[in-house]
């Protein structure tokens, strides 16, 4: 499996730059052609945030600006999550809570990262 890591930092105008990058990713995934960009299949994108609060801010920008990408899950991680001795639980995805209808963070157990 191929991965793309997009590292997001809270710099000046980070939201605008992030939105521009996500538009490019959205176009890349929606118009994906095998081997056109060197990938046999769509790579998994992982957004690297500074911390959990930043993950939420990033996700909010994605939803607010309608930058969800069809047919691919967006996974998130944070800097300190990568310092663990085991990385299999270092990824997070956002899903809808069936009881409340609100978004919530869910830890993902990824066997290949164990």
Protein backbone atom coordinates (compact mmCIF):
# COMPACT_ATOMS: atom_id res chain seq x y z
CA UNK A 1 0.00 0.00 0.00
CA UNK A 2 1.30 3.44 -0.89
CA UNK A 3 0.86 6.38 1.47
CA UNK A 4 0.79 10.14 1.04
CA UNK A 5 1.52 12.12 4.18
CA UNK A 6 0.34 15.72 4.21
CA UNK A 7 1.86 17.56 7.16
CA UNK A 8 -0.21 20.54 8.27
CA UNK A 9 1.22 23.25 10.52
CA UNK A 10 -0.48 26.19 12.21
CA UNK A 11 1.44 28.82 10.32
CA UNK A 12 0.10 32.15 9.20
CA UNK A 13 -2.66 31.54 6.62
CA UNK A 14 -2.45 27.77 7.18
CA UNK A 15 -6.16 27.28 6.53
CA UNK A 16 -6.03 28.90 3.09
CA UNK A 17 -2.94 26.92 2.09
CA UNK A 18 -4.47 23.71 3.40
CA UNK A 19 -7.70 24.29 1.47
CA UNK A 20 -5.68 24.85 -1.73
CA UNK A 21 -3.74 21.60 -1.15
CA UNK A 22 -6.92 19.64 -0.43
CA UNK A 23 -8.48 20.88 -3.65
CA UNK A 24 -5.48 19.45 -5.51
CA UNK A 25 -5.79 16.13 -3.65
CA UNK A 26 -9.51 15.99 -4.34
CA UNK A 27 -8.87 16.50 -8.05
CA UNK A 28 -6.07 13.90 -7.99
CA UNK A 29 -8.28 11.24 -6.39
CA UNK A 30 -11.40 11.97 -8.40
CA UNK A 31 -9.48 11.90 -11.71
CA UNK A 32 -7.12 9.07 -10.74
CA UNK A 33 -5.70 7.05 -13.63
CA UNK A 34 -3.59 3.99 -12.86
CA UNK A 35 0.16 4.66 -13.35
CA UNK A 36 -0.49 8.20 -14.65
CA UNK A 37 1.10 9.59 -11.49
CA UNK A 38 3.30 6.59 -10.78
CA UNK A 39 0.78 4.83 -8.54
CA UNK A 40 -0.72 1.46 -9.41
CA UNK A 41 -3.69 2.18 -7.14
CA UNK A 42 -4.87 5.16 -5.17
CA UNK A 43 -2.49 5.85 -2.28
CA UNK A 44 -3.84 6.26 1.23
CA UNK A 45 -3.64 9.86 2.43
CA UNK A 46 -2.73 10.56 6.04
CA UNK A 47 -3.01 14.09 7.39
CA UNK A 48 -0.42 14.84 10.08
CA UNK A 49 -1.55 17.46 12.58
CA UNK A 50 0.25 19.08 15.49
CA UNK A 51 -2.11 17.63 18.11
CA UNK A 52 -5.66 16.31 18.56
CA UNK A 53 -7.18 19.80 18.65
CA UNK A 54 -5.45 20.57 15.37
CA UNK A 55 -6.89 17.35 13.85
CA UNK A 56 -10.36 18.64 14.69
CA UNK A 57 -9.57 22.05 13.17
CA UNK A 58 -8.33 20.38 9.97
CA UNK A 59 -11.38 18.14 9.74
CA UNK A 60 -13.64 21.15 10.25
CA UNK A 61 -11.96 22.89 7.29
CA UNK A 62 -12.51 19.79 5.14
CA UNK A 63 -16.21 19.57 5.98
CA UNK A 64 -16.87 23.32 5.87
CA UNK A 65 -15.23 23.66 2.45
CA UNK A 66 -16.74 20.43 1.05
CA UNK A 67 -13.34 18.84 0.49
CA UNK A 68 -14.28 15.27 1.36
CA UNK A 69 -12.84 12.86 -1.19
CA UNK A 70 -15.13 10.16 -2.58
CA UNK A 71 -14.04 6.53 -2.28
CA UNK A 72 -11.13 7.21 0.05
CA UNK A 73 -10.90 7.50 3.82
CA UNK A 74 -9.00 10.38 5.31
CA UNK A 75 -6.84 9.26 8.18
CA UNK A 76 -5.30 11.62 10.69
CA UNK A 77 -2.40 11.41 13.09
CA UNK A 78 -0.58 13.84 15.35
CA UNK A 79 3.11 14.45 15.96
CA UNK A 80 3.25 12.85 19.40
CA UNK A 81 1.35 9.77 18.19
CA UNK A 82 4.38 8.92 16.08
CA UNK A 83 6.62 8.69 19.18
CA UNK A 84 4.88 5.56 20.44
CA UNK A 85 6.70 2.23 20.41
CA UNK A 86 3.78 0.76 18.43
CA UNK A 87 2.14 2.68 15.61
CA UNK A 88 -0.83 0.36 15.03
CA UNK A 89 -3.17 2.68 16.99
CA UNK A 90 -1.67 5.98 15.84
CA UNK A 91 -4.30 6.74 13.19
CA UNK A 92 -7.68 8.37 13.64
CA UNK A 93 -10.67 8.79 11.37
CA UNK A 94 -13.75 10.93 11.81
CA UNK A 95 -17.15 9.28 11.63
CA UNK A 96 -20.70 10.14 12.51
CA UNK A 97 -22.01 9.02 15.89
CA UNK A 98 -25.25 7.14 15.17
CA UNK A 99 -26.84 8.27 18.45
CA UNK A 100 -26.10 12.00 18.22
CA UNK A 101 -25.49 12.52 14.49
CA UNK A 102 -22.34 14.48 15.36
CA UNK A 103 -18.84 13.75 14.17
CA UNK A 104 -16.48 11.94 16.49
CA UNK A 105 -12.88 10.74 16.36
CA UNK A 106 -12.33 6.98 16.13
CA UNK A 107 -8.98 5.29 16.63
CA UNK A 108 -8.09 2.89 13.86
CA UNK A 109 -6.20 -0.34 14.51
CA UNK A 110 -3.91 -0.76 11.52
CA UNK A 111 -2.22 -4.16 11.49
CA UNK A 112 0.51 -3.18 9.01
CA UNK A 113 1.75 -0.49 11.41
CA UNK A 114 2.07 -2.88 14.39
